[in-house]
């Protein structure tokens, strides 16, 4: 009898533990997009240092990727105060997704076959191009070939300037600077003739109040950069995020975000891309 009582009690304890575990698992299912928010928070990877794209400021977080990510999170059932922003440096993005450090990443993240081997992408949500930024009063650079014998800014760790040098302007004089901000200072002073990277990033920098009207984009469209939202391989979030991106375009929020973040630089953006249409 004593043994039977102990066994029954143990069974009751075990049943309670299983129930508690199941309940806890449901509450902590991040990124589920339920009406209650799918959990206490959603963690989103962004850039902290790209004005117009993703930037951490004293007032909070700002940029086109922030607007896109906030819209998507809302469609998944999360309010703005349930978002935890996490810096996602370019070299860390795949690892962060694979480890589950973030639920998704919106960080000027170009969709490439190599990256698709290790992570999935929703989108694309923006088609950008490699371009150059020059001084507003400089009319000597009208094509990539005009960069020959010009001082072209090369940010340490970036391949953009090297690509121009190798493929389009072999006599361009590469100048290495530690940051894009340093390149802009050099461009303003005349030490640099042009800065190259994605046109969306260039537009974001040129749209800052202190640079308004001082620079212009070349409009060269040297490459296609299909920005996508990175998610863990096999994640069920892909279909939900794609639907959110379609809604953002159809209700006008996408166009509003483009004008707000890139408008001051007279950025001639491409139309919103169709989901799955990755331009090579």
Protein backbone atom coordinates (compact mmCIF):
# COMPACT_ATOMS: atom_id res chain seq x y z
CA UNK A 1 0.00 0.00 0.00
CA UNK A 2 2.77 2.37 0.91
CA UNK A 3 4.55 1.65 -2.36
CA UNK A 4 1.30 2.27 -4.31
CA UNK A 5 0.83 5.70 -2.64
CA UNK A 6 4.36 6.78 -3.48
CA UNK A 7 3.94 5.67 -7.07
CA UNK A 8 0.69 7.58 -7.46
CA UNK A 9 2.21 10.70 -5.96
CA UNK A 10 5.21 10.44 -8.26
CA UNK A 11 2.91 10.10 -11.25
CA UNK A 12 1.04 13.23 -10.21
CA UNK A 13 4.27 15.18 -9.84
CA UNK A 14 5.47 13.95 -13.23
CA UNK A 15 2.20 14.98 -14.88
CA UNK A 16 2.45 18.47 -13.38
CA UNK A 17 6.05 18.80 -14.58
CA UNK A 18 5.13 17.76 -18.12
CA UNK A 19 2.24 20.21 -18.17
CA UNK A 20 4.44 23.04 -16.91
CA UNK A 21 7.12 22.23 -19.46
CA UNK A 22 4.60 22.21 -22.30
CA UNK A 23 3.15 25.52 -21.13
CA UNK A 24 6.60 27.08 -20.87
CA UNK A 25 7.56 25.85 -24.32
CA UNK A 26 4.50 27.50 -25.84
CA UNK A 27 5.14 30.82 -24.12
CA UNK A 28 8.75 30.95 -25.24
CA UNK A 29 8.20 30.05 -28.89
CA UNK A 30 9.93 33.13 -30.32
CA UNK A 31 8.77 34.50 -33.62
CA UNK A 32 5.54 32.49 -33.71
CA UNK A 33 3.49 35.57 -34.61
CA UNK A 34 0.49 34.75 -32.43
CA UNK A 35 -2.02 37.44 -31.53
CA UNK A 36 -0.42 37.79 -28.11
CA UNK A 37 2.95 38.50 -29.67
CA UNK A 38 4.23 34.91 -29.77
CA UNK A 39 6.30 35.49 -26.66
CA UNK A 40 7.64 38.33 -24.59
CA UNK A 41 9.82 39.73 -27.35
CA UNK A 42 11.25 39.26 -30.80
CA UNK A 43 14.96 39.79 -31.45
CA UNK A 44 15.92 41.43 -34.74
CA UNK A 45 19.41 41.93 -36.13
CA UNK A 46 20.19 45.28 -37.73
CA UNK A 47 23.12 47.54 -38.56
CA UNK A 48 23.93 50.16 -35.93
CA UNK A 49 26.18 52.34 -38.09
CA UNK A 50 24.49 52.92 -41.46
CA UNK A 51 22.52 56.18 -41.61
CA UNK A 52 19.34 55.80 -43.64
CA UNK A 53 19.58 52.00 -43.41
CA UNK A 54 20.06 51.05 -39.78
CA UNK A 55 21.54 53.35 -37.16
CA UNK A 56 21.58 53.51 -33.39
CA UNK A 57 21.08 57.13 -32.31
CA UNK A 58 20.60 58.88 -28.96
CA UNK A 59 16.89 59.01 -29.80
CA UNK A 60 16.64 55.29 -30.64
CA UNK A 61 16.94 53.32 -33.88
CA UNK A 62 16.32 54.75 -37.34
CA UNK A 63 16.57 53.82 -41.01
CA UNK A 64 14.81 51.99 -43.82
CA UNK A 65 15.68 48.55 -42.47
CA UNK A 66 14.31 49.59 -39.06
CA UNK A 67 11.03 50.66 -40.67
CA UNK A 68 10.80 47.40 -42.63
CA UNK A 69 11.64 45.25 -39.61
CA UNK A 70 9.19 47.11 -37.35
CA UNK A 71 6.41 46.66 -39.92
CA UNK A 72 7.17 42.94 -40.28
CA UNK A 73 7.30 42.47 -36.50
CA UNK A 74 3.88 44.13 -36.15
CA UNK A 75 2.43 41.77 -38.75
CA UNK A 76 3.91 38.87 -36.77
CA UNK A 77 2.07 40.11 -33.69
CA UNK A 78 4.75 42.17 -31.92
CA UNK A 79 4.45 45.80 -30.91
CA UNK A 80 7.44 48.15 -31.17
CA UNK A 81 8.20 47.86 -27.45
CA UNK A 82 8.46 44.06 -27.80
CA UNK A 83 11.37 44.33 -30.24
CA UNK A 84 14.92 43.78 -29.02
CA UNK A 85 17.39 45.20 -31.54
CA UNK A 86 20.75 43.47 -31.82
CA UNK A 87 23.73 44.68 -33.83
CA UNK A 88 24.49 42.35 -36.74
CA UNK A 89 27.86 43.06 -38.30
CA UNK A 90 28.30 41.73 -41.82
CA UNK A 91 30.72 38.97 -40.86
CA UNK A 92 28.49 37.72 -38.02
CA UNK A 93 25.09 37.48 -39.68
CA UNK A 94 25.03 33.81 -40.72
CA UNK A 95 26.40 32.68 -37.37
CA UNK A 96 23.85 34.75 -35.44
CA UNK A 97 21.00 33.14 -37.36
CA UNK A 98 22.37 29.63 -37.03
CA UNK A 99 22.87 30.02 -33.27
CA UNK A 100 19.41 31.48 -32.79
CA UNK A 101 20.76 34.78 -31.42
CA UNK A 102 18.11 36.61 -33.48
CA UNK A 103 14.75 35.71 -35.00
CA UNK A 104 15.54 37.48 -38.25
CA UNK A 105 18.03 39.96 -39.70
CA UNK A 106 17.29 43.09 -41.75
CA UNK A 107 20.71 44.67 -42.26
CA UNK A 108 21.42 45.61 -45.91
CA UNK A 109 21.73 41.83 -46.30
CA UNK A 110 22.19 40.96 -49.98
CA UNK A 111 20.80 37.61 -51.12
CA UNK A 112 23.58 35.52 -52.68
CA UNK A 113 23.85 31.82 -53.62
CA UNK A 114 26.72 31.41 -51.18
CA UNK A 115 24.73 32.79 -48.24
CA UNK A 116 21.68 30.73 -49.19
CA UNK A 117 23.70 27.60 -48.44
CA UNK A 118 23.59 28.39 -44.73
CA UNK A 119 20.53 30.64 -44.19
CA UNK A 120 17.15 31.33 -45.78
CA UNK A 121 15.92 34.68 -47.07
CA UNK A 122 12.51 36.31 -47.25
CA UNK A 123 12.10 38.97 -49.90
CA UNK A 124 13.83 40.71 -51.55
CA UNK A 125 12.43 43.97 -50.20
CA UNK A 126 14.84 46.40 -51.91
CA UNK A 127 16.91 46.28 -55.09
CA UNK A 128 20.02 48.39 -54.61
CA UNK A 129 23.05 48.83 -56.87
CA UNK A 130 26.71 49.56 -56.36
CA UNK A 131 27.22 53.22 -57.17
CA UNK A 132 29.47 56.16 -56.38
CA UNK A 133 28.97 59.31 -54.34
CA UNK A 134 30.72 62.47 -55.55
CA UNK A 135 30.65 66.15 -54.66
CA UNK A 136 27.51 67.92 -55.89
CA UNK A 137 29.56 70.39 -57.97
CA UNK A 138 31.82 67.76 -59.57
CA UNK A 139 30.75 67.08 -63.16
CA UNK A 140 33.92 65.24 -64.18
CA UNK A 141 32.67 61.76 -63.20
CA UNK A 142 29.87 60.76 -65.56
CA UNK A 143 30.65 57.06 -65.95
CA UNK A 144 32.70 54.40 -64.12
CA UNK A 145 35.53 54.91 -66.62
CA UNK A 146 35.88 58.49 -65.41
CA UNK A 147 37.12 57.12 -62.09
CA UNK A 148 40.47 56.36 -63.70
CA UNK A 149 43.19 58.46 -62.05
CA UNK A 150 40.64 59.60 -59.44
CA UNK A 151 41.01 59.00 -55.70
CA UNK A 152 38.41 56.34 -54.92
CA UNK A 153 37.59 55.65 -51.30
CA UNK A 154 38.12 52.09 -50.14
CA UNK A 155 36.76 51.31 -46.68
CA UNK A 156 38.93 48.77 -44.92
CA UNK A 157 37.31 45.32 -45.25
CA UNK A 158 35.05 46.32 -48.15
CA UNK A 159 35.46 44.90 -51.65
CA UNK A 160 33.39 47.56 -53.46
CA UNK A 161 36.24 49.86 -54.46
CA UNK A 162 38.47 46.93 -55.41
CA UNK A 163 35.71 45.62 -57.70
CA UNK A 164 35.56 48.98 -59.49
CA UNK A 165 39.34 49.04 -59.79
CA UNK A 166 39.55 45.47 -61.12
CA UNK A 167 36.60 45.56 -63.55
CA UNK A 168 35.77 49.12 -64.56
CA UNK A 169 38.52 51.63 -63.78
CA UNK A 170 41.94 49.94 -63.50
CA UNK A 171 43.73 53.27 -63.00
CA UNK A 172 41.57 54.43 -60.11
CA UNK A 173 43.68 55.36 -57.11
CA UNK A 174 42.35 53.40 -54.13
CA UNK A 175 42.55 55.20 -50.80
CA UNK A 176 41.87 53.14 -47.67
CA UNK A 177 39.84 54.75 -44.89
CA UNK A 178 38.57 53.08 -41.71
CA UNK A 179 34.89 54.09 -42.05
CA UNK A 180 32.42 55.54 -44.54
CA UNK A 181 32.17 58.64 -42.36
CA UNK A 182 35.91 59.17 -42.78
CA UNK A 183 35.49 58.79 -46.55
CA UNK A 184 32.77 61.45 -46.52
CA UNK A 185 35.06 63.84 -44.68
CA UNK A 186 37.72 63.21 -47.32
CA UNK A 187 35.17 63.65 -50.09
CA UNK A 188 34.05 66.95 -48.64
CA UNK A 189 37.60 68.26 -48.29
CA UNK A 190 38.67 67.16 -51.79
CA UNK A 191 41.14 64.50 -50.62
CA UNK A 192 38.75 61.89 -52.07
CA UNK A 193 37.01 62.16 -55.46
CA UNK A 194 34.45 59.40 -55.03
CA UNK A 195 33.11 56.90 -52.51
CA UNK A 196 31.62 53.60 -53.65
CA UNK A 197 29.25 51.08 -52.06
CA UNK A 198 25.52 50.29 -52.37
CA UNK A 199 23.52 53.29 -53.60
CA UNK A 200 21.04 52.89 -50.72
CA UNK A 201 23.86 53.20 -48.19
CA UNK A 202 25.33 56.20 -50.03
CA UNK A 203 21.90 57.84 -50.14
CA UNK A 204 21.53 57.29 -46.41
CA UNK A 205 24.79 59.06 -45.67
CA UNK A 206 24.09 61.89 -48.11
CA UNK A 207 20.67 62.40 -46.52
CA UNK A 208 22.16 63.38 -43.15
CA UNK A 209 21.45 66.98 -42.23
CA UNK A 210 25.12 68.01 -42.21
CA UNK A 211 25.65 66.69 -45.75
CA UNK A 212 22.39 67.74 -47.40
CA UNK A 213 23.06 69.21 -50.84
CA UNK A 214 26.81 68.56 -50.71
CA UNK A 215 26.95 65.22 -52.53
CA UNK A 216 25.21 63.40 -55.37
CA UNK A 217 24.91 59.83 -56.59
CA UNK A 218 26.45 58.86 -59.91
CA UNK A 219 23.55 56.58 -60.87
CA UNK A 220 25.89 53.98 -62.42
CA UNK A 221 24.11 50.78 -61.21
CA UNK A 222 27.29 48.72 -61.39
CA UNK A 223 25.82 45.65 -59.61
CA UNK A 224 22.48 44.35 -58.35
CA UNK A 225 22.15 44.03 -54.58
CA UNK A 226 18.94 42.24 -53.57
CA UNK A 227 18.27 43.02 -49.92
CA UNK A 228 16.51 40.19 -48.12
CA UNK A 229 15.50 39.36 -44.56
CA UNK A 230 17.73 36.60 -43.25
CA UNK A 231 16.18 33.79 -41.23
CA UNK A 232 17.36 30.46 -39.88
CA UNK A 233 17.43 27.65 -42.43
CA UNK A 234 14.05 25.94 -42.60
CA UNK A 235 12.27 28.54 -40.44
CA UNK A 236 8.48 28.76 -40.77
CA UNK A 237 8.86 32.56 -40.52
CA UNK A 238 9.78 32.83 -44.20
CA UNK A 239 6.21 32.63 -45.53
CA UNK A 240 4.90 34.98 -42.82
CA UNK A 241 7.60 37.58 -43.48
CA UNK A 242 7.05 37.39 -47.24
CA UNK A 243 3.35 38.07 -46.71
CA UNK A 244 4.20 41.03 -44.43
CA UNK A 245 6.53 42.48 -47.09
CA UNK A 246 3.80 42.19 -49.72
CA UNK A 247 1.40 44.01 -47.39
CA UNK A 248 3.95 46.76 -46.78
CA UNK A 249 4.15 47.44 -50.51
CA UNK A 250 0.42 47.22 -51.17
CA UNK A 251 -0.61 49.60 -48.37
CA UNK A 252 1.97 52.26 -49.33
CA UNK A 253 4.15 51.90 -46.23
CA UNK A 254 7.15 50.75 -48.29
CA UNK A 255 7.16 53.85 -50.51
CA UNK A 256 6.71 56.09 -47.47
CA UNK A 257 9.75 54.50 -45.80
CA UNK A 258 11.88 54.95 -48.94
CA UNK A 259 11.06 58.65 -49.22
CA UNK A 260 11.55 59.26 -45.53
CA UNK A 261 15.00 57.67 -45.32
CA UNK A 262 16.51 58.36 -48.76
CA UNK A 263 14.56 61.30 -50.16
CA UNK A 264 16.95 64.12 -49.22
CA UNK A 265 19.66 62.53 -51.42
CA UNK A 266 17.35 62.42 -54.48
CA UNK A 267 17.72 58.64 -54.47
CA UNK A 268 16.13 57.19 -57.61
CA UNK A 269 15.05 53.89 -56.13
CA UNK A 270 13.91 50.87 -58.09
CA UNK A 271 10.25 49.85 -57.72
CA UNK A 272 9.56 47.44 -54.87
CA UNK A 273 10.77 44.01 -56.03
CA UNK A 274 8.43 41.04 -56.20
CA UNK A 275 8.94 38.36 -53.60
CA UNK A 276 11.41 35.76 -54.91
CA UNK A 277 12.56 37.90 -57.85
CA UNK A 278 16.31 38.04 -57.23
CA UNK A 279 18.13 39.97 -59.95
CA UNK A 280 21.52 38.60 -60.93
